[in-house]
Amino acid sequence: MAETISSFLTADHRACDEEFAQMENAVASDNWDLAQEKFNKFTTDLMHHFNMEEQVMFPTFEERTGMVGGPTSMMRMEHEQMRSVVE
């Protein structure tokens, strides 16, 4: 199961990266309508990814390892920072 979750999250990360790259390309081409469309898709996908990690993966990791203030705490802080940047 852990490998399935890892594979999903890796693919999800790549999809978000690809959306961001497409947005950058649209900006570089002065295609602002497409850039806005790609930005909207990127932010929707990114927030979904964060929610999957925070609501599914992190609690499971914390429950199984007993590590509540460890890496998941740092990743939650990073998510909050990225949410602020996107907003």
Protein backbone atom coordinates (compact mmCIF):
# COMPACT_ATOMS: atom_id res chain seq x y z
CA MET A 1 0.00 0.00 0.00
CA ALA A 2 2.82 2.43 0.85
CA GLU A 3 4.25 1.95 -2.63
CA THR A 4 0.85 2.73 -4.16
CA ILE A 5 0.56 5.94 -2.13
CA SER A 6 4.12 6.89 -3.01
CA SER A 7 3.49 6.25 -6.72
CA PHE A 8 0.30 8.30 -6.62
CA LEU A 9 1.96 11.23 -4.86
CA THR A 10 4.95 11.14 -7.22
CA ALA A 11 2.64 11.22 -10.24
CA ASP A 12 0.59 13.98 -8.60
CA HIS A 13 3.75 16.05 -7.97
CA ARG A 14 4.74 15.64 -11.62
CA ALA A 15 1.28 16.68 -12.81
CA CYS A 16 1.45 19.85 -10.70
CA ASP A 17 4.95 20.57 -12.02
CA GLU A 18 3.72 20.11 -15.59
CA GLU A 19 0.79 22.50 -15.05
CA PHE A 20 3.19 25.09 -13.63
CA ALA A 21 5.57 24.67 -16.60
CA GLN A 22 2.66 25.09 -19.04
CA MET A 23 1.65 28.27 -17.21
CA GLU A 24 5.21 29.59 -17.47
CA ASN A 25 5.25 28.83 -21.20
CA ALA A 26 1.96 30.67 -21.68
CA VAL A 27 3.34 33.70 -19.82
CA ALA A 28 6.52 33.63 -21.90
CA SER A 29 4.33 33.62 -25.04
CA ASP A 30 2.20 36.51 -23.74
CA ASN A 31 -0.82 34.22 -23.86
CA TRP A 32 -2.45 35.60 -20.72
CA ASP A 33 -5.77 33.81 -21.13
CA LEU A 34 -4.02 30.44 -21.32
CA ALA A 35 -1.70 31.46 -18.47
CA GLN A 36 -4.73 32.21 -16.28
CA GLU A 37 -6.33 28.91 -17.25
CA LYS A 38 -3.14 27.00 -16.41
CA PHE A 39 -2.70 28.92 -13.15
CA ASN A 40 -6.25 28.04 -12.11
CA LYS A 41 -5.67 24.36 -12.95
CA PHE A 42 -2.32 24.40 -11.14
CA THR A 43 -3.77 25.91 -7.97
CA THR A 44 -6.74 23.52 -7.97
CA ASP A 45 -4.44 20.52 -8.42
CA LEU A 46 -1.95 21.82 -5.84
CA MET A 47 -4.63 22.36 -3.19
CA HIS A 48 -6.01 18.89 -3.88
CA HIS A 49 -2.51 17.45 -3.47
CA PHE A 50 -1.98 19.29 -0.19
CA ASN A 51 -5.35 18.08 1.09
CA MET A 52 -4.56 14.47 0.18
CA GLU A 53 -1.28 14.68 2.07
CA GLU A 54 -2.71 16.51 5.08
CA GLN A 55 -5.91 14.51 5.43
CA VAL A 56 -4.75 11.03 4.41
CA MET A 57 -1.01 10.54 4.29
CA PHE A 58 0.21 12.66 7.20
CA PRO A 59 -2.27 11.34 9.80
CA THR A 60 -1.51 7.75 8.77
CA PHE A 61 2.23 8.37 8.94
CA GLU A 62 1.92 10.04 12.34
CA GLU A 63 -0.28 7.29 13.73
CA ARG A 64 2.06 4.53 12.59
CA THR A 65 5.32 6.22 13.57
CA GLY A 66 4.25 8.29 16.57
CA MET A 67 6.14 11.24 15.00
CA VAL A 68 3.76 14.17 15.29
CA GLY A 69 6.21 17.07 15.38
CA GLY A 70 8.56 15.69 12.74
CA PRO A 71 8.59 15.87 8.96
CA THR A 72 4.82 16.16 8.60
CA SER A 73 4.82 19.26 10.78
CA MET A 74 7.46 20.85 8.55
CA MET A 75 5.55 19.89 5.39
CA ARG A 76 2.34 21.42 6.80
CA MET A 77 4.25 24.67 7.39
CA GLU A 78 5.60 24.52 3.82
CA HIS A 79 2.08 23.95 2.51
CA GLU A 80 0.87 27.03 4.38
CA GLN A 81 3.71 29.09 2.92
CA MET A 82 2.86 27.89 -0.59
CA ARG A 83 -0.84 28.60 -0.05
CA SER A 84 0.08 32.18 0.88
CA VAL A 85 2.20 32.56 -2.25
CA VAL A 86 -0.54 31.19 -4.50
CA GLU A 87 -3.18 33.44 -2.94
